[in-house]
Amino acid sequence: MYKYEIIIYWSNEDQAFIAEVPELPGCMAHGHTPNEALANCQDAINLWLDTAKEFERAIPRPKGKRLMYA
């Protein structure tokens, strides 16, 4: 598990929980429950990092903030 901050919130528009990683622009996932959104977000983080490495893009260091539920 990475130490990136993950913010989880309910989206009325999507009718799902959204998990966002502010330190990785565009990195987010959704799920029917907060735990499902978190699990899907871990996959999204892996894909984000793999893509950044593939294209030799800078990868932000995790700030190590806490997990937040909104």
C-alpha atoms as a PDB file:
ATOM      1  CA  MET A   1       0.000   0.000   0.000  1.00  0.00           C
ATOM      2  CA  TYR A   2       1.297   3.428  -0.914  1.00  0.00           C
ATOM      3  CA  LYS A   3       1.384   6.354   1.497  1.00  0.00           C
ATOM      4  CA  TYR A   4      -0.375   8.855  -0.735  1.00  0.00           C
ATOM      5  CA  GLU A   5      -3.269  10.814   0.744  1.00  0.00           C
ATOM      6  CA  ILE A   6      -6.616   9.406  -0.395  1.00  0.00           C
ATOM      7  CA  ILE A   7      -9.831  11.364   0.018  1.00  0.00           C
ATOM      8  CA  ILE A   8     -13.068   9.374  -0.146  1.00  0.00           C
ATOM      9  CA  TYR A   9     -16.454  11.046  -0.574  1.00  0.00           C
ATOM     10  CA  TRP A  10     -19.962  10.319  -1.834  1.00  0.00           C
ATOM     11  CA  SER A  11     -20.903  11.663  -5.274  1.00  0.00           C
ATOM     12  CA  ASN A  12     -24.621  12.231  -5.860  1.00  0.00           C
ATOM     13  CA  GLU A  13     -23.914  12.710  -9.562  1.00  0.00           C
ATOM     14  CA  ASP A  14     -22.206   9.318  -9.887  1.00  0.00           C
ATOM     15  CA  GLN A  15     -24.215   7.584  -7.134  1.00  0.00           C
ATOM     16  CA  ALA A  16     -20.951   6.095  -5.877  1.00  0.00           C
ATOM     17  CA  PHE A  17     -18.122   6.699  -3.452  1.00  0.00           C
ATOM     18  CA  ILE A  18     -15.159   8.446  -5.079  1.00  0.00           C
ATOM     19  CA  ALA A  19     -11.551   7.977  -3.937  1.00  0.00           C
ATOM     20  CA  GLU A  20      -9.151  10.697  -5.112  1.00  0.00           C
ATOM     21  CA  VAL A  21      -5.365  10.956  -4.795  1.00  0.00           C
ATOM     22  CA  PRO A  22      -4.618  14.709  -4.794  1.00  0.00           C
ATOM     23  CA  GLU A  23      -0.859  14.203  -5.154  1.00  0.00           C
ATOM     24  CA  LEU A  24      -1.326  12.226  -8.400  1.00  0.00           C
ATOM     25  CA  PRO A  25      -3.291  14.439 -10.811  1.00  0.00           C
ATOM     26  CA  GLY A  26      -6.267  12.647 -12.322  1.00  0.00           C
ATOM     27  CA  CYS A  27      -5.831   9.566 -10.151  1.00  0.00           C
ATOM     28  CA  MET A  28      -9.206   8.470  -8.794  1.00  0.00           C
ATOM     29  CA  ALA A  29     -11.550   5.521  -8.612  1.00  0.00           C
ATOM     30  CA  HIS A  30     -15.084   4.756  -7.487  1.00  0.00           C
ATOM     31  CA  GLY A  31     -17.009   2.015  -5.717  1.00  0.00           C
ATOM     32  CA  HIS A  32     -20.343   1.106  -4.155  1.00  0.00           C
ATOM     33  CA  THR A  33     -18.772   1.318  -0.676  1.00  0.00           C
ATOM     34  CA  PRO A  34     -15.879   3.343   0.749  1.00  0.00           C
ATOM     35  CA  ASN A  35     -13.807   0.148   1.032  1.00  0.00           C
ATOM     36  CA  GLU A  36     -14.493  -0.783  -2.593  1.00  0.00           C
ATOM     37  CA  ALA A  37     -13.510   2.721  -3.718  1.00  0.00           C
ATOM     38  CA  LEU A  38     -10.297   2.438  -1.678  1.00  0.00           C
ATOM     39  CA  ALA A  39      -9.415  -0.965  -3.164  1.00  0.00           C
ATOM     40  CA  ASN A  40     -10.088   0.322  -6.672  1.00  0.00           C
ATOM     41  CA  CYS A  41      -7.997   3.394  -5.902  1.00  0.00           C
ATOM     42  CA  GLN A  42      -4.997   1.215  -5.047  1.00  0.00           C
ATOM     43  CA  ASP A  43      -5.276  -0.244  -8.570  1.00  0.00           C
ATOM     44  CA  ALA A  44      -5.545   3.275 -10.009  1.00  0.00           C
ATOM     45  CA  ILE A  45      -2.403   4.340  -8.114  1.00  0.00           C
ATOM     46  CA  ASN A  46      -0.491   1.365  -9.533  1.00  0.00           C
ATOM     47  CA  LEU A  47      -1.617   2.237 -13.061  1.00  0.00           C
ATOM     48  CA  TRP A  48      -0.767   5.925 -12.571  1.00  0.00           C
ATOM     49  CA  LEU A  49       2.732   5.092 -11.338  1.00  0.00           C
ATOM     50  CA  ASP A  50       3.348   2.484 -14.073  1.00  0.00           C
ATOM     51  CA  THR A  51       2.310   4.993 -16.748  1.00  0.00           C
ATOM     52  CA  ALA A  52       4.503   7.734 -15.263  1.00  0.00           C
ATOM     53  CA  LYS A  53       7.501   5.355 -15.254  1.00  0.00           C
ATOM     54  CA  GLU A  54       6.793   4.224 -18.806  1.00  0.00           C
ATOM     55  CA  PHE A  55       6.788   7.814 -20.071  1.00  0.00           C
ATOM     56  CA  GLU A  56       9.649   8.868 -17.757  1.00  0.00           C
ATOM     57  CA  ARG A  57       7.484  11.413 -15.941  1.00  0.00           C
ATOM     58  CA  ALA A  58       8.230  12.723 -12.466  1.00  0.00           C
ATOM     59  CA  ILE A  59       6.601  10.792  -9.644  1.00  0.00           C
ATOM     60  CA  PRO A  60       5.667  12.836  -6.576  1.00  0.00           C
ATOM     61  CA  ARG A  61       6.921  11.522  -3.250  1.00  0.00           C
ATOM     62  CA  PRO A  62       4.106  10.619  -0.871  1.00  0.00           C
ATOM     63  CA  LYS A  63       3.558  13.225   1.814  1.00  0.00           C
ATOM     64  CA  GLY A  64       2.251  10.505   4.104  1.00  0.00           C
ATOM     65  CA  LYS A  65      -0.952  12.252   5.160  1.00  0.00           C
ATOM     66  CA  ARG A  66      -3.747  10.340   6.823  1.00  0.00           C
ATOM     67  CA  LEU A  67      -6.611   8.539   5.127  1.00  0.00           C
ATOM     68  CA  MET A  68      -9.644  10.816   5.126  1.00  0.00           C
ATOM     69  CA  TYR A  69     -13.349  10.131   4.775  1.00  0.00           C
ATOM     70  CA  ALA A  70     -15.587  13.091   3.901  1.00  0.00           C
END
